[in-house]
Structure formats: structure tokens, C-alpha cells
N, C-alpha and C. Protein backbone atom coordinates (compact mmCIF):
# COMPACT_ATOMS: atom_id res chain seq x y z
N MET A 1 0.84 -1.18 0.00
CA MET A 1 0.00 0.00 0.00
C MET A 1 0.89 1.24 0.00
N ILE A 2 0.45 2.24 -0.71
CA ILE A 2 1.20 3.49 -0.77
C ILE A 2 0.37 4.60 -0.11
N LYS A 3 0.94 5.22 0.90
CA LYS A 3 0.30 6.38 1.54
C LYS A 3 0.87 7.63 0.89
N ASN A 4 0.10 8.70 0.94
CA ASN A 4 0.59 9.93 0.33
C ASN A 4 0.13 11.15 1.13
N ARG A 5 0.78 12.26 0.84
CA ARG A 5 0.49 13.54 1.50
C ARG A 5 -0.14 14.54 0.53
N ILE A 6 -0.78 14.04 -0.52
CA ILE A 6 -1.28 14.92 -1.57
C ILE A 6 -2.28 15.94 -1.02
N LYS A 7 -3.25 15.49 -0.24
CA LYS A 7 -4.27 16.41 0.27
C LYS A 7 -3.64 17.50 1.13
N GLU A 8 -2.73 17.11 2.00
CA GLU A 8 -2.02 18.07 2.86
C GLU A 8 -1.23 19.07 2.02
N LEU A 9 -0.52 18.57 1.03
CA LEU A 9 0.31 19.44 0.19
C LEU A 9 -0.54 20.37 -0.68
N ARG A 10 -1.67 19.86 -1.15
CA ARG A 10 -2.58 20.72 -1.92
C ARG A 10 -3.05 21.90 -1.08
N ALA A 11 -3.37 21.60 0.18
CA ALA A 11 -3.85 22.66 1.08
C ALA A 11 -2.76 23.70 1.31
N ILE A 12 -1.55 23.25 1.53
CA ILE A 12 -0.43 24.16 1.76
C ILE A 12 -0.21 25.06 0.54
N HIS A 13 -0.37 24.50 -0.64
CA HIS A 13 -0.13 25.24 -1.88
C HIS A 13 -1.40 25.86 -2.46
N ASN A 14 -2.50 25.73 -1.71
CA ASN A 14 -3.78 26.31 -2.13
C ASN A 14 -4.20 25.84 -3.52
N LEU A 15 -4.12 24.53 -3.75
CA LEU A 15 -4.53 23.94 -5.01
C LEU A 15 -5.76 23.06 -4.80
N SER A 16 -6.70 23.12 -5.71
CA SER A 16 -7.83 22.20 -5.69
C SER A 16 -7.39 20.88 -6.35
N GLN A 17 -8.24 19.86 -6.20
CA GLN A 17 -7.94 18.61 -6.90
C GLN A 17 -7.87 18.86 -8.40
N GLY A 18 -8.76 19.69 -8.90
CA GLY A 18 -8.78 20.01 -10.32
C GLY A 18 -7.52 20.73 -10.78
N ASP A 19 -7.03 21.66 -9.93
CA ASP A 19 -5.80 22.38 -10.26
C ASP A 19 -4.63 21.41 -10.40
N LEU A 20 -4.49 20.52 -9.41
CA LEU A 20 -3.39 19.56 -9.44
C LEU A 20 -3.54 18.61 -10.62
N ALA A 21 -4.76 18.16 -10.85
CA ALA A 21 -5.01 17.24 -11.97
C ALA A 21 -4.58 17.87 -13.29
N GLU A 22 -4.91 19.14 -13.46
CA GLU A 22 -4.53 19.84 -14.69
C GLU A 22 -3.02 19.92 -14.83
N LYS A 23 -2.32 20.18 -13.73
CA LYS A 23 -0.86 20.31 -13.77
C LYS A 23 -0.16 19.00 -14.14
N VAL A 24 -0.77 17.85 -13.76
CA VAL A 24 -0.12 16.56 -14.03
C VAL A 24 -0.84 15.76 -15.12
N ASN A 25 -1.83 16.43 -15.77
CA ASN A 25 -2.51 15.86 -16.93
C ASN A 25 -3.27 14.57 -16.62
N VAL A 26 -4.06 14.60 -15.54
CA VAL A 26 -4.97 13.49 -15.22
C VAL A 26 -6.33 14.10 -14.89
N ARG A 27 -7.33 13.25 -14.70
CA ARG A 27 -8.66 13.73 -14.30
C ARG A 27 -8.69 14.04 -12.81
N ARG A 28 -9.58 14.93 -12.42
CA ARG A 28 -9.72 15.28 -11.01
C ARG A 28 -10.04 14.05 -10.17
N GLU A 29 -10.83 13.13 -10.72
CA GLU A 29 -11.19 11.90 -10.00
C GLU A 29 -9.96 11.07 -9.66
N THR A 30 -8.96 11.11 -10.51
CA THR A 30 -7.72 10.37 -10.25
C THR A 30 -7.04 10.92 -9.00
N ILE A 31 -6.99 12.23 -8.86
CA ILE A 31 -6.38 12.85 -7.68
C ILE A 31 -7.19 12.46 -6.44
N GLY A 32 -8.52 12.52 -6.52
CA GLY A 32 -9.37 12.12 -5.41
C GLY A 32 -9.13 10.68 -5.00
N ASN A 33 -9.02 9.79 -5.97
CA ASN A 33 -8.77 8.38 -5.68
C ASN A 33 -7.39 8.17 -5.07
N LEU A 34 -6.41 8.92 -5.53
CA LEU A 34 -5.07 8.84 -4.93
C LEU A 34 -5.13 9.26 -3.47
N GLU A 35 -5.81 10.35 -3.18
CA GLU A 35 -5.90 10.86 -1.82
C GLU A 35 -6.60 9.87 -0.89
N LYS A 36 -7.58 9.15 -1.41
CA LYS A 36 -8.33 8.18 -0.61
C LYS A 36 -7.63 6.82 -0.52
N GLY A 37 -6.51 6.67 -1.22
CA GLY A 37 -5.79 5.40 -1.20
C GLY A 37 -6.43 4.32 -2.06
N LYS A 38 -7.31 4.71 -2.97
CA LYS A 38 -7.99 3.75 -3.84
C LYS A 38 -7.19 3.43 -5.10
N TYR A 39 -6.12 4.18 -5.30
CA TYR A 39 -5.37 4.07 -6.55
C TYR A 39 -3.90 4.35 -6.25
N ASN A 40 -3.02 3.49 -6.76
CA ASN A 40 -1.58 3.72 -6.63
C ASN A 40 -1.09 4.33 -7.94
N PRO A 41 -0.33 5.40 -7.84
CA PRO A 41 0.11 6.09 -9.07
C PRO A 41 1.22 5.32 -9.78
N SER A 42 1.31 5.56 -11.07
CA SER A 42 2.46 5.07 -11.81
C SER A 42 3.67 5.87 -11.33
N LEU A 43 4.84 5.38 -11.61
CA LEU A 43 6.05 6.08 -11.23
C LEU A 43 6.10 7.46 -11.89
N VAL A 44 5.69 7.54 -13.13
CA VAL A 44 5.70 8.81 -13.86
C VAL A 44 4.74 9.80 -13.20
N LEU A 45 3.54 9.35 -12.84
CA LEU A 45 2.58 10.25 -12.20
C LEU A 45 3.08 10.68 -10.83
N ALA A 46 3.64 9.77 -10.06
CA ALA A 46 4.19 10.12 -8.74
C ALA A 46 5.28 11.17 -8.90
N TRP A 47 6.13 11.01 -9.89
CA TRP A 47 7.21 11.96 -10.14
C TRP A 47 6.65 13.33 -10.50
N LYS A 48 5.62 13.35 -11.38
CA LYS A 48 5.02 14.62 -11.78
C LYS A 48 4.39 15.35 -10.58
N ILE A 49 3.70 14.58 -9.72
CA ILE A 49 3.06 15.19 -8.54
C ILE A 49 4.12 15.76 -7.61
N ALA A 50 5.17 14.99 -7.35
CA ALA A 50 6.25 15.48 -6.50
C ALA A 50 6.88 16.73 -7.08
N GLU A 51 7.03 16.76 -8.38
CA GLU A 51 7.63 17.92 -9.05
C GLU A 51 6.77 19.17 -8.87
N VAL A 52 5.45 19.03 -8.92
CA VAL A 52 4.55 20.18 -8.71
C VAL A 52 4.82 20.82 -7.36
N PHE A 53 5.07 19.98 -6.34
CA PHE A 53 5.29 20.49 -4.98
C PHE A 53 6.77 20.75 -4.69
N ASP A 54 7.63 20.55 -5.70
CA ASP A 54 9.07 20.76 -5.57
C ASP A 54 9.64 19.91 -4.43
N LEU A 55 9.22 18.63 -4.41
CA LEU A 55 9.68 17.68 -3.40
C LEU A 55 10.18 16.41 -4.07
N LYS A 56 10.90 15.60 -3.32
CA LYS A 56 11.29 14.28 -3.78
C LYS A 56 10.08 13.36 -3.68
N ILE A 57 10.03 12.34 -4.52
CA ILE A 57 8.90 11.40 -4.51
C ILE A 57 8.68 10.85 -3.11
N GLU A 58 9.74 10.49 -2.41
CA GLU A 58 9.58 9.88 -1.09
C GLU A 58 9.10 10.86 -0.02
N GLU A 59 9.09 12.14 -0.35
CA GLU A 59 8.53 13.14 0.56
C GLU A 59 7.02 13.28 0.38
N VAL A 60 6.51 12.73 -0.71
CA VAL A 60 5.08 12.77 -1.00
C VAL A 60 4.45 11.40 -0.79
N PHE A 61 5.15 10.34 -1.21
CA PHE A 61 4.63 8.98 -1.17
C PHE A 61 5.46 8.10 -0.26
N THR A 62 4.79 7.23 0.52
CA THR A 62 5.46 6.30 1.41
C THR A 62 4.89 4.91 1.19
N VAL A 63 5.74 3.92 1.02
CA VAL A 63 5.28 2.54 0.86
C VAL A 63 5.09 1.95 2.25
N MET A 64 3.89 1.44 2.50
CA MET A 64 3.56 0.85 3.80
C MET A 64 3.47 -0.66 3.66
N ASP A 65 3.91 -1.38 4.68
CA ASP A 65 3.71 -2.84 4.70
C ASP A 65 2.24 -3.13 4.84
N GLU A 66 1.78 -4.14 4.11
CA GLU A 66 0.34 -4.46 4.17
C GLU A 66 0.03 -5.41 5.27
């Protein structure tokens, strides 16, 4: 399972799900599903999201033991 800080980081940067989705070229629903843990991002998507927040991937996403 992959946990993430997307919702927290969006709030800090004052971005809506739609804003972030537009920046990384996915649908708003994809961002919502990522935040709820219903969807694990591809490596490319994880990299793009981390880049939006100017962070390393591991600062946004954490792999948890199931």
C-alpha cells in the first residue's frame, strides 16, 4: 500500500484537486482516488506530482507494509 500527502500538500499550496489534476494531466477523479488510497500512481505520475510540490517522490509517497 502506498500512503501519500497529496491532500495536505494541496492545502499548503492552495490547489484544488482540479488544479493539481490539470498540472499533471490526469482527471480530477484520479487525484481524489489517490488521496483516498484507492489508486496507486504510476512512477511517472508520482514523479510529476512530487515535481509540482518541488519535493522528492519519497517526501510525498510512502510505501507501507500491508
